[in-house]
Every structure is written in structure tokens, then in C-alpha cells.
Amino acid sequence: MADNDYDPAGSTQMFRAFVDEAPAPQAPGTVNTYGSTSSSSRTPLIAISAVLALVVVVGVIWLAVK
């Protein structure tokens, strides 16, 4: 690395090391914790969260009008 490219905090070097690091091979049957959740299993959670947010907003508006 050139002297004029030096990062005193080291964050660039740590980021490059993280990005360039090859993923470790996994044994069969292990669960990958990064991105292994399918979108279909998150759909009910998103729907419930949206309904709950809507109920909260309607409740706040109702209290403001009352």
C-alpha cells in the first residue's frame, strides 16, 4: 500500500479484509445465518407489523380528534 493511501483509523483495511474474505465452507445440515431466511417466512411478520403500525396511527389520529 502506498504511503499516501494510508488510513489512520484502519477502517478501509478492515473493510477490505472483510469483503475479500472467502466464506468458510459449511458442513451439510448447518444453517447459514446470513441471508438464509426466505422472503416467504418473513411475509407474516411484515404483514403483522404493517397492521400494528396502522392501528397505532389510527389510534393517534383518533386521540387527536377526540
PDB file of N, CA and C in Angstrom:
ATOM      1  N   MET A   1       0.850  -1.177   0.000  1.00  0.00           N
ATOM      2  CA  MET A   1       0.000   0.000   0.000  1.00  0.00           C
ATOM      3  C   MET A   1       0.893   1.236   0.000  1.00  0.00           C
ATOM      4  N   ALA A   2       0.537   2.214  -0.781  1.00  0.00           N
ATOM      5  CA  ALA A   2       1.314   3.444  -0.875  1.00  0.00           C
ATOM      6  C   ALA A   2       1.127   4.276   0.382  1.00  0.00           C
ATOM      7  N   ASP A   3       2.142   5.098   0.693  1.00  0.00           N
ATOM      8  CA  ASP A   3       2.066   5.927   1.892  1.00  0.00           C
ATOM      9  C   ASP A   3       0.942   6.947   1.830  1.00  0.00           C
ATOM     10  N   ASN A   4       0.626   7.460   0.642  1.00  0.00           N
ATOM     11  CA  ASN A   4      -0.436   8.456   0.540  1.00  0.00           C
ATOM     12  C   ASN A   4      -1.825   7.826   0.614  1.00  0.00           C
ATOM     13  N   ASP A   5      -1.921   6.506   0.615  1.00  0.00           N
ATOM     14  CA  ASP A   5      -3.186   5.787   0.724  1.00  0.00           C
ATOM     15  C   ASP A   5      -3.447   5.306   2.147  1.00  0.00           C
ATOM     16  N   TYR A   6      -2.613   5.702   3.091  1.00  0.00           N
ATOM     17  CA  TYR A   6      -2.716   5.208   4.459  1.00  0.00           C
ATOM     18  C   TYR A   6      -3.991   5.717   5.136  1.00  0.00           C
ATOM     19  N   ASP A   7      -4.711   4.820   5.766  1.00  0.00           N
ATOM     20  CA  ASP A   7      -5.930   5.157   6.510  1.00  0.00           C
ATOM     21  C   ASP A   7      -5.586   5.085   7.994  1.00  0.00           C
ATOM     22  N   PRO A   8      -5.480   6.220   8.698  1.00  0.00           N
ATOM     23  CA  PRO A   8      -5.055   6.186  10.095  1.00  0.00           C
ATOM     24  C   PRO A   8      -6.004   5.412  11.000  1.00  0.00           C
ATOM     25  N   ALA A   9      -7.276   5.384  10.671  1.00  0.00           N
ATOM     26  CA  ALA A   9      -8.225   4.645  11.501  1.00  0.00           C
ATOM     27  C   ALA A   9      -8.192   3.152  11.191  1.00  0.00           C
ATOM     28  N   GLY A  10      -7.722   2.793  10.018  1.00  0.00           N
ATOM     29  CA  GLY A  10      -7.671   1.396   9.633  1.00  0.00           C
ATOM     30  C   GLY A  10      -8.993   0.840   9.167  1.00  0.00           C
ATOM     31  N   SER A  11     -10.008   1.687   9.045  1.00  0.00           N
ATOM     32  CA  SER A  11     -11.334   1.178   8.680  1.00  0.00           C
ATOM     33  C   SER A  11     -11.368   0.659   7.249  1.00  0.00           C
ATOM     34  N   THR A  12     -10.640   1.301   6.356  1.00  0.00           N
ATOM     35  CA  THR A  12     -10.636   0.841   4.967  1.00  0.00           C
ATOM     36  C   THR A  12      -9.987  -0.538   4.873  1.00  0.00           C
ATOM     37  N   GLN A  13      -8.877  -0.709   5.587  1.00  0.00           N
ATOM     38  CA  GLN A  13      -8.200  -2.003   5.553  1.00  0.00           C
ATOM     39  C   GLN A  13      -9.077  -3.093   6.161  1.00  0.00           C
ATOM     40  N   MET A  14      -9.770  -2.785   7.249  1.00  0.00           N
ATOM     41  CA  MET A  14     -10.646  -3.776   7.872  1.00  0.00           C
ATOM     42  C   MET A  14     -11.815  -4.120   6.954  1.00  0.00           C
ATOM     43  N   PHE A  15     -12.361  -3.111   6.261  1.00  0.00           N
ATOM     44  CA  PHE A  15     -13.469  -3.362   5.345  1.00  0.00           C
ATOM     45  C   PHE A  15     -13.013  -4.235   4.186  1.00  0.00           C
ATOM     46  N   ARG A  16     -11.862  -3.911   3.622  1.00  0.00           N
ATOM     47  CA  ARG A  16     -11.346  -4.720   2.504  1.00  0.00           C
ATOM     48  C   ARG A  16     -11.064  -6.147   2.945  1.00  0.00           C
ATOM     49  N   ALA A  17     -10.532  -6.315   4.148  1.00  0.00           N
ATOM     50  CA  ALA A  17     -10.278  -7.667   4.648  1.00  0.00           C
ATOM     51  C   ALA A  17     -11.591  -8.424   4.819  1.00  0.00           C
ATOM     52  N   PHE A  18     -12.624  -7.737   5.276  1.00  0.00           N
ATOM     53  CA  PHE A  18     -13.931  -8.372   5.450  1.00  0.00           C
ATOM     54  C   PHE A  18     -14.539  -8.759   4.106  1.00  0.00           C
ATOM     55  N   VAL A  19     -14.466  -7.858   3.131  1.00  0.00           N
ATOM     56  CA  VAL A  19     -15.071  -8.120   1.826  1.00  0.00           C
ATOM     57  C   VAL A  19     -14.298  -9.185   1.068  1.00  0.00           C
ATOM     58  N   ASP A  20     -12.977  -9.134   1.164  1.00  0.00           N
ATOM     59  CA  ASP A  20     -12.152 -10.078   0.408  1.00  0.00           C
ATOM     60  C   ASP A  20     -12.096 -11.458   1.050  1.00  0.00           C
ATOM     61  N   GLU A  21     -12.560 -11.574   2.288  1.00  0.00           N
ATOM     62  CA  GLU A  21     -12.503 -12.847   2.981  1.00  0.00           C
ATOM     63  C   GLU A  21     -13.470 -13.823   2.334  1.00  0.00           C
ATOM     64  N   ALA A  22     -12.969 -14.989   1.997  1.00  0.00           N
ATOM     65  CA  ALA A  22     -13.822 -16.010   1.381  1.00  0.00           C
ATOM     66  C   ALA A  22     -14.691 -16.639   2.456  1.00  0.00           C
ATOM     67  N   PRO A  23     -15.948 -16.934   2.146  1.00  0.00           N
ATOM     68  CA  PRO A  23     -16.810 -17.566   3.142  1.00  0.00           C
ATOM     69  C   PRO A  23     -16.293 -18.965   3.480  1.00  0.00           C
ATOM     70  N   ALA A  24     -16.381 -19.320   4.738  1.00  0.00           N
ATOM     71  CA  ALA A  24     -15.919 -20.631   5.182  1.00  0.00           C
ATOM     72  C   ALA A  24     -16.891 -21.701   4.697  1.00  0.00           C
ATOM     73  N   PRO A  25     -16.363 -22.846   4.278  1.00  0.00           N
ATOM     74  CA  PRO A  25     -17.266 -23.928   3.850  1.00  0.00           C
ATOM     75  C   PRO A  25     -18.072 -24.438   5.037  1.00  0.00           C
ATOM     76  N   GLN A  26     -19.313 -24.794   4.763  1.00  0.00           N
ATOM     77  CA  GLN A  26     -20.197 -25.260   5.825  1.00  0.00           C
ATOM     78  C   GLN A  26     -20.440 -26.746   5.695  1.00  0.00           C
ATOM     79  N   ALA A  27     -20.626 -27.376   6.826  1.00  0.00           N
ATOM     80  CA  ALA A  27     -20.965 -28.790   6.842  1.00  0.00           C
ATOM     81  C   ALA A  27     -22.414 -28.947   6.407  1.00  0.00           C
ATOM     82  N   PRO A  28     -22.744 -30.076   5.806  1.00  0.00           N
ATOM     83  CA  PRO A  28     -24.140 -30.294   5.408  1.00  0.00           C
ATOM     84  C   PRO A  28     -25.065 -30.256   6.618  1.00  0.00           C
ATOM     85  N   GLY A  29     -26.201 -29.606   6.448  1.00  0.00           N
ATOM     86  CA  GLY A  29     -27.192 -29.540   7.508  1.00  0.00           C
ATOM     87  C   GLY A  29     -27.030 -28.349   8.431  1.00  0.00           C
ATOM     88  N   THR A  30     -25.997 -27.539   8.239  1.00  0.00           N
ATOM     89  CA  THR A  30     -25.843 -26.366   9.090  1.00  0.00           C
ATOM     90  C   THR A  30     -26.662 -25.219   8.530  1.00  0.00           C
ATOM     91  N   VAL A  31     -26.992 -24.282   9.383  1.00  0.00           N
ATOM     92  CA  VAL A  31     -27.826 -23.155   8.991  1.00  0.00           C
ATOM     93  C   VAL A  31     -26.940 -21.949   8.721  1.00  0.00           C
ATOM     94  N   ASN A  32     -27.139 -21.315   7.575  1.00  0.00           N
ATOM     95  CA  ASN A  32     -26.422 -20.095   7.247  1.00  0.00           C
ATOM     96  C   ASN A  32     -27.199 -18.934   7.840  1.00  0.00           C
ATOM     97  N   THR A  33     -26.571 -18.158   8.736  1.00  0.00           N
ATOM     98  CA  THR A  33     -27.287 -17.087   9.409  1.00  0.00           C
ATOM     99  C   THR A  33     -27.352 -15.812   8.590  1.00  0.00           C
ATOM    100  N   TYR A  34     -26.641 -15.727   7.484  1.00  0.00           N
ATOM    101  CA  TYR A  34     -26.626 -14.513   6.670  1.00  0.00           C
ATOM    102  C   TYR A  34     -27.441 -14.737   5.411  1.00  0.00           C
ATOM    103  N   GLY A  35     -28.631 -14.158   5.375  1.00  0.00           N
ATOM    104  CA  GLY A  35     -29.444 -14.211   4.165  1.00  0.00           C
ATOM    105  C   GLY A  35     -30.123 -15.542   3.933  1.00  0.00           C
ATOM    106  N   SER A  36     -30.186 -16.414   4.911  1.00  0.00           N
ATOM    107  CA  SER A  36     -30.804 -17.703   4.689  1.00  0.00           C
ATOM    108  C   SER A  36     -32.315 -17.661   4.864  1.00  0.00           C
ATOM    109  N   THR A  37     -32.836 -16.604   5.452  1.00  0.00           N
ATOM    110  CA  THR A  37     -34.269 -16.500   5.671  1.00  0.00           C
ATOM    111  C   THR A  37     -34.954 -16.187   4.351  1.00  0.00           C
ATOM    112  N   SER A  38     -35.898 -17.012   3.981  1.00  0.00           N
ATOM    113  CA  SER A  38     -36.609 -16.764   2.739  1.00  0.00           C
ATOM    114  C   SER A  38     -37.622 -15.645   2.947  1.00  0.00           C
ATOM    115  N   SER A  39     -37.983 -14.990   1.856  1.00  0.00           N
ATOM    116  CA  SER A  39     -38.924 -13.881   1.974  1.00  0.00           C
ATOM    117  C   SER A  39     -40.308 -14.374   2.373  1.00  0.00           C
ATOM    118  N   SER A  40     -40.641 -15.623   2.046  1.00  0.00           N
ATOM    119  CA  SER A  40     -41.968 -16.118   2.383  1.00  0.00           C
ATOM    120  C   SER A  40     -42.140 -16.314   3.887  1.00  0.00           C
ATOM    121  N   SER A  41     -41.068 -16.602   4.603  1.00  0.00           N
ATOM    122  CA  SER A  41     -41.207 -16.778   6.042  1.00  0.00           C
ATOM    123  C   SER A  41     -41.265 -15.437   6.768  1.00  0.00           C
ATOM    124  N   ARG A  42     -40.830 -14.376   6.110  1.00  0.00           N
ATOM    125  CA  ARG A  42     -40.899 -13.043   6.721  1.00  0.00           C
ATOM    126  C   ARG A  42     -42.191 -12.323   6.390  1.00  0.00           C
ATOM    127  N   THR A  43     -42.935 -12.813   5.431  1.00  0.00           N
ATOM    128  CA  THR A  43     -44.149 -12.140   4.985  1.00  0.00           C
ATOM    129  C   THR A  43     -45.179 -11.971   6.110  1.00  0.00           C
ATOM    130  N   PRO A  44     -45.463 -12.998   6.918  1.00  0.00           N
ATOM    131  CA  PRO A  44     -46.429 -12.780   8.010  1.00  0.00           C
ATOM    132  C   PRO A  44     -45.953 -11.742   9.012  1.00  0.00           C
ATOM    133  N   LEU A  45     -44.679 -11.731   9.310  1.00  0.00           N
ATOM    134  CA  LEU A  45     -44.139 -10.752  10.256  1.00  0.00           C
ATOM    135  C   LEU A  45     -44.274  -9.339   9.709  1.00  0.00           C
ATOM    136  N   ILE A  46     -44.024  -9.169   8.436  1.00  0.00           N
ATOM    137  CA  ILE A  46     -44.166  -7.855   7.803  1.00  0.00           C
ATOM    138  C   ILE A  46     -45.626  -7.429   7.803  1.00  0.00           C
ATOM    139  N   ALA A  47     -46.521  -8.356   7.496  1.00  0.00           N
ATOM    140  CA  ALA A  47     -47.950  -8.042   7.463  1.00  0.00           C
ATOM    141  C   ALA A  47     -48.457  -7.660   8.847  1.00  0.00           C
ATOM    142  N   ILE A  48     -48.048  -8.404   9.865  1.00  0.00           N
ATOM    143  CA  ILE A  48     -48.473  -8.091  11.230  1.00  0.00           C
ATOM    144  C   ILE A  48     -47.928  -6.740  11.663  1.00  0.00           C
ATOM    145  N   SER A  49     -46.675  -6.465  11.303  1.00  0.00           N
ATOM    146  CA  SER A  49     -46.076  -5.174  11.648  1.00  0.00           C
ATOM    147  C   SER A  49     -46.803  -4.023  10.960  1.00  0.00           C
ATOM    148  N   ALA A  50     -47.195  -4.215   9.711  1.00  0.00           N
ATOM    149  CA  ALA A  50     -47.903  -3.170   8.983  1.00  0.00           C
ATOM    150  C   ALA A  50     -49.277  -2.912   9.600  1.00  0.00           C
ATOM    151  N   VAL A  51     -49.978  -3.975   9.961  1.00  0.00           N
ATOM    152  CA  VAL A  51     -51.293  -3.821  10.582  1.00  0.00           C
ATOM    153  C   VAL A  51     -51.149  -3.133  11.938  1.00  0.00           C
ATOM    154  N   LEU A  52     -50.170  -3.529  12.709  1.00  0.00           N
ATOM    155  CA  LEU A  52     -49.939  -2.911  14.013  1.00  0.00           C
ATOM    156  C   LEU A  52     -49.603  -1.424  13.867  1.00  0.00           C
ATOM    157  N   ALA A  53     -48.779  -1.085  12.881  1.00  0.00           N
ATOM    158  CA  ALA A  53     -48.442   0.322  12.642  1.00  0.00           C
ATOM    159  C   ALA A  53     -49.685   1.106  12.240  1.00  0.00           C
ATOM    160  N   LEU A  54     -50.533   0.507  11.416  1.00  0.00           N
ATOM    161  CA  LEU A  54     -51.763   1.170  11.001  1.00  0.00           C
ATOM    162  C   LEU A  54     -52.691   1.402  12.193  1.00  0.00           C
ATOM    163  N   VAL A  55     -52.795   0.423  13.067  1.00  0.00           N
ATOM    164  CA  VAL A  55     -53.634   0.566  14.266  1.00  0.00           C
ATOM    165  C   VAL A  55     -53.103   1.689  15.150  1.00  0.00           C
ATOM    166  N   VAL A  56     -51.784   1.767  15.301  1.00  0.00           N
ATOM    167  CA  VAL A  56     -51.194   2.830  16.121  1.00  0.00           C
ATOM    168  C   VAL A  56     -51.472   4.199  15.513  1.00  0.00           C
ATOM    169  N   VAL A  57     -51.309   4.325  14.195  1.00  0.00           N
ATOM    170  CA  VAL A  57     -51.556   5.609  13.527  1.00  0.00           C
ATOM    171  C   VAL A  57     -53.022   6.002  13.663  1.00  0.00           C
ATOM    172  N   VAL A  58     -53.928   5.064  13.452  1.00  0.00           N
ATOM    173  CA  VAL A  58     -55.355   5.362  13.584  1.00  0.00           C
ATOM    174  C   VAL A  58     -55.677   5.754  15.025  1.00  0.00           C
ATOM    175  N   GLY A  59     -55.065   5.058  15.991  1.00  0.00           N
ATOM    176  CA  GLY A  59     -55.288   5.414  17.392  1.00  0.00           C
ATOM    177  C   GLY A  59     -54.802   6.812  17.734  1.00  0.00           C
ATOM    178  N   VAL A  60     -53.650   7.195  17.214  1.00  0.00           N
ATOM    179  CA  VAL A  60     -53.120   8.527  17.460  1.00  0.00           C
ATOM    180  C   VAL A  60     -54.026   9.581  16.843  1.00  0.00           C
ATOM    181  N   ILE A  61     -54.490   9.339  15.616  1.00  0.00           N
ATOM    182  CA  ILE A  61     -55.386  10.286  14.947  1.00  0.00           C
ATOM    183  C   ILE A  61     -56.706  10.387  15.720  1.00  0.00           C
ATOM    184  N   TRP A  62     -57.225   9.255  16.171  1.00  0.00           N
ATOM    185  CA  TRP A  62     -58.477   9.262  16.933  1.00  0.00           C
ATOM    186  C   TRP A  62     -58.340  10.057  18.221  1.00  0.00           C
ATOM    187  N   LEU A  63     -57.195   9.886  18.916  1.00  0.00           N
ATOM    188  CA  LEU A  63     -56.971  10.647  20.147  1.00  0.00           C
ATOM    189  C   LEU A  63     -56.793  12.141  19.861  1.00  0.00           C
ATOM    190  N   ALA A  64     -56.212  12.472  18.725  1.00  0.00           N
ATOM    191  CA  ALA A  64     -56.003  13.884  18.376  1.00  0.00           C
ATOM    192  C   ALA A  64     -57.329  14.563  18.033  1.00  0.00           C
ATOM    193  N   VAL A  65     -58.244  13.829  17.404  1.00  0.00           N
ATOM    194  CA  VAL A  65     -59.538  14.392  17.016  1.00  0.00           C
ATOM    195  C   VAL A  65     -60.466  14.462  18.202  1.00  0.00           C
ATOM    196  N   LYS A  66     -60.377  13.544  19.087  1.00  0.00           N
ATOM    197  CA  LYS A  66     -61.279  13.450  20.235  1.00  0.00           C
ATOM    198  C   LYS A  66     -61.191  14.637  21.140  1.00  0.00           C
TER     199      LYS A  66
END
